[in-house]
């Protein structure tokens, strides 16, 4: 399809309906700027809407909407290789650029610009969000189950770069760049989520924030220079392993958690000297919880702070100073 600047949304929606009536297929949007005066509605299954990369732009030509410039309501659909742009109109924090409400859908190689809402909102199950640039105010929001959020760029988001919410389960969040956001990755009331290999550094609040979650794996993430590297509240059955929280602002890893393992993480400031810390700054701080094991962490200059019941947790063999005493090992 070619853009004309007038009635582009009607032409795209008509093409979607025609291809949908044949059981599905691919619609290619050639290079150009398409003006959408109404949302692009993908209402039939097995539809692929593909642009020509950065030269295919769909501009919002109407006041903001939480259903998205592109709204996918059917199953097994794909949107790829295009840009959504809300620069023509005023947008609101509740706006969405691309919304998925169908199952087994994929968004890849897309970019969102000039929006203050969410770049991508997944409100259904089994979505794959991969290789996108979602550096908007709110980045990517997931409220469905079994999502795969992989290798996206969500930098400089003024709120959460990637957010899993609404009891989302069985998610994989891997290889994303969430640097310089307010919070890199936030998971609230989630279960059985893997957060692995993400860049969440220089975040104003937390690199990774987990609240009221269970059976969560947080491994091999880099949260350097964030205020708090990894923040955990009211969660259980966690594995937090191999993360790096170097030169954090206030705390490397902190939380209220139980039945969890905190192991092989790097959490220290500066050269790892006692003089690199104020009284308030902590490498690892167990605020509350029981049946935890905190061991083998590289926390030069300041030992684990345990505000929970001492006998209820095992905190041993963390690399702090040159002597071995309690939580320290040479």
Protein backbone atom coordinates (compact mmCIF):
# COMPACT_ATOMS: atom_id res chain seq x y z
CA UNK A 1 0.00 0.00 0.00
CA UNK A 2 1.04 3.60 -0.63
CA UNK A 3 0.10 6.53 1.58
CA UNK A 4 -1.83 9.56 0.32
CA UNK A 5 -2.11 11.59 3.52
CA UNK A 6 -5.91 11.42 3.32
CA UNK A 7 -8.06 8.46 4.28
CA UNK A 8 -5.01 6.32 4.97
CA UNK A 9 -6.67 4.66 7.97
CA UNK A 10 -9.72 3.74 5.86
CA UNK A 11 -7.51 2.23 3.17
CA UNK A 12 -5.49 0.20 5.68
CA UNK A 13 -8.59 -0.97 7.56
CA UNK A 14 -10.28 -1.98 4.28
CA UNK A 15 -7.20 -3.96 3.29
CA UNK A 16 -7.19 -5.71 6.67
CA UNK A 17 -10.85 -6.66 6.23
CA UNK A 18 -10.25 -7.97 2.70
CA UNK A 19 -7.24 -10.05 3.70
CA UNK A 20 -9.09 -11.22 6.79
CA UNK A 21 -12.02 -12.44 4.70
CA UNK A 22 -9.57 -14.77 2.93
CA UNK A 23 -8.36 -16.29 6.19
CA UNK A 24 -5.41 -13.99 6.72
CA UNK A 25 -2.26 -12.81 4.98
CA UNK A 26 0.25 -9.97 4.82
CA UNK A 27 -0.35 -6.28 4.17
CA UNK A 28 2.77 -4.29 3.29
CA UNK A 29 2.88 -0.57 4.01
CA UNK A 30 5.45 0.96 1.68
CA UNK A 31 7.69 3.86 2.65
CA UNK A 32 5.83 7.05 3.52
CA UNK A 33 3.88 8.82 6.25
CA UNK A 34 0.35 7.50 6.78
CA UNK A 35 -2.18 9.69 8.63
CA UNK A 36 -4.56 7.70 10.84
CA UNK A 37 -7.65 9.78 11.60
CA UNK A 38 -9.10 6.74 13.37
CA UNK A 39 -7.36 3.69 14.87
CA UNK A 40 -5.99 0.93 12.66
CA UNK A 41 -8.11 -2.07 13.69
CA UNK A 42 -6.69 -5.57 13.22
CA UNK A 43 -9.89 -7.55 13.82
CA UNK A 44 -9.23 -10.74 11.86
CA UNK A 45 -6.83 -13.57 12.76
CA UNK A 46 -3.58 -14.38 10.98
CA UNK A 47 -2.97 -10.83 9.75
CA UNK A 48 0.55 -9.47 9.26
CA UNK A 49 0.90 -5.69 8.98
CA UNK A 50 4.45 -4.95 7.84
CA UNK A 51 6.13 -1.65 7.11
CA UNK A 52 9.41 -0.84 5.40
CA UNK A 53 11.34 -0.04 8.56
CA UNK A 54 12.02 3.52 9.68
CA UNK A 55 10.67 4.94 6.41
CA UNK A 56 7.12 3.74 7.18
CA UNK A 57 5.45 6.07 9.69
CA UNK A 58 1.85 6.00 10.96
CA UNK A 59 0.92 9.32 12.53
CA UNK A 60 -1.96 9.68 14.94
CA UNK A 61 -4.35 12.22 13.44
CA UNK A 62 -6.93 12.23 16.23
CA UNK A 63 -7.03 12.92 19.95
CA UNK A 64 -5.44 10.31 22.15
CA UNK A 65 -6.98 6.94 22.86
CA UNK A 66 -6.17 4.04 25.14
CA UNK A 67 -6.95 1.50 22.39
CA UNK A 68 -3.89 2.43 20.37
CA UNK A 69 -3.01 3.84 16.96
CA UNK A 70 -2.84 0.15 16.05
CA UNK A 71 -5.32 -2.05 17.92
CA UNK A 72 -5.06 -5.82 17.57
CA UNK A 73 -8.18 -7.61 18.79
CA UNK A 74 -7.79 -10.94 16.99
CA UNK A 75 -5.39 -13.86 17.33
CA UNK A 76 -2.09 -14.83 15.72
CA UNK A 77 -1.37 -11.40 14.25
CA UNK A 78 1.92 -9.58 13.68
CA UNK A 79 2.86 -5.91 13.38
CA UNK A 80 6.42 -5.24 12.27
CA UNK A 81 8.92 -2.76 10.86
CA UNK A 82 7.13 0.57 11.27
CA UNK A 83 7.03 3.72 13.37
CA UNK A 84 4.05 5.14 15.27
CA UNK A 85 4.12 8.89 15.86
CA UNK A 86 1.82 11.06 17.99
CA UNK A 87 3.43 14.42 17.21
CA UNK A 88 0.44 15.78 15.27
CA UNK A 89 -1.93 15.88 18.26
CA UNK A 90 -1.85 16.31 22.01
CA UNK A 91 -1.44 12.99 23.77
CA UNK A 92 -2.23 11.91 27.31
CA UNK A 93 -0.56 9.56 29.76
CA UNK A 94 -3.36 7.03 29.19
CA UNK A 95 -2.65 6.80 25.45
CA UNK A 96 -1.38 3.64 23.77
CA UNK A 97 0.53 3.40 20.48
CA UNK A 98 0.07 -0.33 19.86
CA UNK A 99 -2.40 -2.44 21.85
CA UNK A 100 -2.74 -6.23 21.75
CA UNK A 101 -5.94 -7.92 22.91
CA UNK A 102 -5.65 -11.08 20.80
CA UNK A 103 -3.61 -14.13 21.80
CA UNK A 104 -0.42 -15.40 20.14
CA UNK A 105 0.45 -12.02 18.63
CA UNK A 106 3.85 -10.52 17.83
CA UNK A 107 5.21 -6.97 17.69
CA UNK A 108 8.72 -6.69 16.26
CA UNK A 109 11.04 -4.05 14.82
CA UNK A 110 8.61 -1.23 15.64
CA UNK A 111 9.38 2.18 17.12
CA UNK A 112 7.24 4.64 19.05
CA UNK A 113 7.99 8.36 19.04
CA UNK A 114 6.41 11.48 20.52
CA UNK A 115 4.09 9.76 22.96
CA UNK A 116 3.65 10.25 26.69
CA UNK A 117 1.64 7.06 27.17
CA UNK A 118 2.61 3.43 26.66
CA UNK A 119 4.42 2.51 23.47
CA UNK A 120 3.06 -1.05 23.63
CA UNK A 121 0.31 -2.49 25.82
CA UNK A 122 -0.21 -6.26 25.89
CA UNK A 123 -3.56 -7.11 27.47
CA UNK A 124 -3.71 -10.75 26.34
CA UNK A 125 -1.75 -14.00 26.50
CA UNK A 126 1.20 -15.51 24.63
CA UNK A 127 2.52 -12.28 23.12
CA UNK A 128 6.03 -11.87 21.74
CA UNK A 129 7.47 -8.36 21.92
CA UNK A 130 10.92 -8.36 20.34
CA UNK A 131 13.44 -5.94 18.82
CA UNK A 132 11.28 -2.83 19.35
CA UNK A 133 12.24 0.72 20.32
CA UNK A 134 9.71 1.64 22.99
CA UNK A 135 11.48 4.64 24.52
CA UNK A 136 8.33 6.56 25.42
CA UNK A 137 7.13 7.85 28.77
CA UNK A 138 5.87 4.44 29.92
CA UNK A 139 7.52 1.94 27.58
CA UNK A 140 5.95 -1.55 27.51
CA UNK A 141 3.01 -2.61 29.73
CA UNK A 142 2.12 -6.29 30.12
CA UNK A 143 -1.12 -7.40 31.77
CA UNK A 144 -1.44 -10.80 30.06
CA UNK A 145 0.17 -14.19 30.72
CA UNK A 146 3.08 -15.99 29.06
CA UNK A 147 4.68 -12.93 27.46
CA UNK A 148 8.13 -12.93 25.89
CA UNK A 149 9.71 -9.47 26.10
CA UNK A 150 13.08 -9.79 24.40
CA UNK A 151 15.80 -7.43 23.14
CA UNK A 152 13.76 -4.22 23.19
CA UNK A 153 15.16 -0.73 23.65
CA UNK A 154 13.22 1.13 26.36
CA UNK A 155 15.73 3.75 27.48
CA UNK A 156 15.01 7.09 29.13
CA UNK A 157 11.40 6.30 30.06
CA UNK A 158 10.20 8.76 32.69
CA UNK A 159 8.16 6.02 34.38
CA UNK A 160 8.52 2.22 34.06
CA UNK A 161 10.43 1.09 30.99
CA UNK A 162 8.88 -2.40 31.20
CA UNK A 163 6.00 -3.14 33.55
CA UNK A 164 4.33 -6.48 34.27
CA UNK A 165 1.13 -6.15 36.23
CA UNK A 166 -2.31 -7.61 36.90
CA UNK A 167 -1.00 -11.00 38.11
CA UNK A 168 0.91 -11.70 34.91
CA UNK A 169 2.45 -15.20 35.00
CA UNK A 170 5.09 -17.23 33.18
CA UNK A 171 6.78 -14.24 31.56
CA UNK A 172 10.28 -13.96 30.12
CA UNK A 173 11.92 -10.52 30.17
CA UNK A 174 15.35 -10.91 28.61
CA UNK A 175 18.04 -8.82 26.95
CA UNK A 176 16.21 -5.48 27.12
CA UNK A 177 17.90 -2.09 27.45
CA UNK A 178 16.05 -0.07 30.08
CA UNK A 179 18.85 2.29 31.06
CA UNK A 180 18.26 5.83 32.34
CA UNK A 181 14.56 5.29 33.07
CA UNK A 182 12.74 6.01 36.31
CA UNK A 183 12.41 2.26 36.88
CA UNK A 184 13.90 -0.24 34.47
CA UNK A 185 11.69 -3.30 35.01
CA UNK A 186 8.72 -3.38 37.38
CA UNK A 187 6.79 -6.56 38.23
CA UNK A 188 3.76 -6.28 40.52
CA UNK A 189 1.70 -9.28 41.72
CA UNK A 190 3.42 -11.54 39.19
CA UNK A 191 4.32 -15.23 39.38
CA UNK A 192 6.83 -17.47 37.61
CA UNK A 193 8.67 -14.72 35.76
CA UNK A 194 12.27 -14.85 34.49
CA UNK A 195 14.10 -11.50 34.35
CA UNK A 196 17.45 -12.19 32.73
CA UNK A 197 20.29 -10.32 31.05
CA UNK A 198 18.72 -6.86 31.02
CA UNK A 199 20.45 -3.48 31.20
CA UNK A 200 18.76 -1.41 33.93
CA UNK A 201 21.47 1.05 34.87
CA UNK A 202 21.31 4.70 35.87
CA UNK A 203 17.64 4.47 36.86
CA UNK A 204 16.28 7.19 39.14
CA UNK A 205 14.31 4.80 41.36
CA UNK A 206 15.16 1.12 40.88
CA UNK A 207 16.85 -0.88 38.18
CA UNK A 208 14.47 -3.77 38.88
CA UNK A 209 11.46 -3.54 41.20
CA UNK A 210 9.47 -6.54 42.40
CA UNK A 211 6.38 -6.25 44.56
CA UNK A 212 4.13 -9.02 45.90
CA UNK A 213 5.61 -11.60 43.54
CA UNK A 214 6.47 -15.28 43.85
CA UNK A 215 8.61 -17.82 42.01
CA UNK A 216 10.61 -15.08 40.29
CA UNK A 217 14.10 -15.53 38.84
CA UNK A 218 16.26 -12.39 38.55
CA UNK A 219 19.64 -13.30 37.05
CA UNK A 220 22.57 -11.66 35.24
CA UNK A 221 21.09 -8.17 35.01
CA UNK A 222 23.21 -5.01 35.12
CA UNK A 223 21.78 -2.29 37.36
CA UNK A 224 24.86 -0.11 37.80
CA UNK A 225 24.46 3.47 39.12
CA UNK A 226 20.73 3.09 39.76
CA UNK A 227 19.46 4.50 43.04
CA UNK A 228 18.45 0.98 44.13
CA UNK A 229 19.77 -1.87 42.03
CA UNK A 230 17.11 -4.49 42.84
CA UNK A 231 14.15 -3.63 45.09
CA UNK A 232 11.95 -6.44 46.43
CA UNK A 233 8.88 -6.09 48.63
CA UNK A 234 6.54 -8.72 50.09
CA UNK A 235 7.73 -11.51 47.79
CA UNK A 236 8.74 -15.15 48.17
CA UNK A 237 10.52 -18.06 46.49
CA UNK A 238 12.97 -15.91 44.57
CA UNK A 239 16.34 -16.55 42.98
CA UNK A 240 18.43 -13.39 42.68
CA UNK A 241 21.76 -14.43 41.23
CA UNK A 242 24.67 -12.98 39.30
CA UNK A 243 23.33 -9.43 39.07
CA UNK A 244 25.62 -6.40 39.10
CA UNK A 245 24.66 -3.30 41.07
CA UNK A 246 27.89 -1.32 41.03
CA UNK A 247 28.06 2.25 42.33
CA UNK A 248 24.39 2.27 43.34
CA UNK A 249 22.90 5.39 44.89
CA UNK A 250 21.48 4.10 48.18
CA UNK A 251 21.15 0.29 48.11
CA UNK A 252 22.40 -2.53 45.91
CA UNK A 253 19.74 -5.14 46.71
CA UNK A 254 17.01 -4.50 49.27
CA UNK A 255 13.81 -6.08 50.30
CA UNK A 256 11.23 -7.89 52.34
CA UNK A 257 11.25 -11.47 51.05
CA UNK A 258 11.12 -15.07 52.24
CA UNK A 259 12.25 -18.54 51.12
CA UNK A 260 14.67 -16.96 48.66
CA UNK A 261 18.28 -17.25 47.56
CA UNK A 262 20.47 -14.18 47.02
CA UNK A 263 23.77 -15.42 45.59
CA UNK A 264 26.77 -14.34 43.52
CA UNK A 265 25.66 -10.73 43.09
CA UNK A 266 28.07 -7.79 42.84
CA UNK A 267 27.00 -4.86 45.03
CA UNK A 268 29.56 -2.26 46.02
CA UNK A 269 30.40 1.41 45.62
CA UNK A 270 33.54 3.08 44.35
CA UNK A 271 36.66 1.11 45.27
CA UNK A 272 34.79 -1.00 47.79
CA UNK A 273 36.19 0.80 50.81
CA UNK A 274 34.28 1.55 53.99
CA UNK A 275 34.80 5.23 53.21
CA UNK A 276 32.76 4.83 49.99
CA UNK A 277 29.57 4.40 52.05
CA UNK A 278 27.44 6.63 54.20
CA UNK A 279 25.59 5.12 57.13
CA UNK A 280 22.41 4.93 55.06
CA UNK A 281 23.95 3.25 52.01
CA UNK A 282 23.72 -0.55 52.02
CA UNK A 283 25.15 -3.25 49.77
CA UNK A 284 22.44 -5.83 50.55
CA UNK A 285 19.68 -5.08 53.03
CA UNK A 286 17.26 -7.74 54.25
CA UNK A 287 14.48 -5.60 55.66
CA UNK A 288 12.25 -8.48 56.75
CA UNK A 289 11.58 -12.12 55.95
CA UNK A 290 12.63 -15.64 56.85
CA UNK A 291 14.12 -18.83 55.42
CA UNK A 292 16.44 -16.91 53.10
CA UNK A 293 19.99 -17.77 52.06
CA UNK A 294 22.30 -14.84 51.27
CA UNK A 295 25.73 -16.12 50.29
CA UNK A 296 28.63 -15.71 47.91
CA UNK A 297 27.90 -12.08 47.11
CA UNK A 298 30.71 -9.65 46.28
CA UNK A 299 29.91 -6.71 48.56
CA UNK A 300 33.24 -5.02 49.23
CA UNK A 301 33.32 -2.40 51.93
CA UNK A 302 30.08 -3.13 53.77
CA UNK A 303 28.49 -6.36 54.92
CA UNK A 304 24.87 -7.46 54.54
CA UNK A 305 22.49 -5.52 56.76
CA UNK A 306 20.00 -7.89 58.36
CA UNK A 307 16.98 -6.19 59.92
CA UNK A 308 15.04 -9.46 60.02
CA UNK A 309 15.27 -12.11 62.73
CA UNK A 310 18.87 -13.31 62.66
CA UNK A 311 18.13 -16.98 63.40
CA UNK A 312 15.50 -17.17 60.66
CA UNK A 313 17.95 -16.57 57.79
CA UNK A 314 21.32 -17.88 56.63
CA UNK A 315 23.77 -15.12 55.75
CA UNK A 316 27.28 -16.51 55.25
CA UNK A 317 30.41 -16.37 53.11
CA UNK A 318 29.88 -13.03 51.43
CA UNK A 319 33.04 -11.35 50.17
CA UNK A 320 33.35 -8.12 52.12
CA UNK A 321 36.76 -7.40 53.65
CA UNK A 322 39.94 -9.41 54.05
CA UNK A 323 38.81 -11.20 57.18
CA UNK A 324 36.27 -13.92 57.76
CA UNK A 325 33.69 -13.18 60.40
CA UNK A 326 30.02 -14.06 60.17
CA UNK A 327 29.00 -12.85 56.73
CA UNK A 328 32.55 -12.18 55.56
CA UNK A 329 35.10 -14.34 53.82
CA UNK A 330 38.55 -13.58 52.48
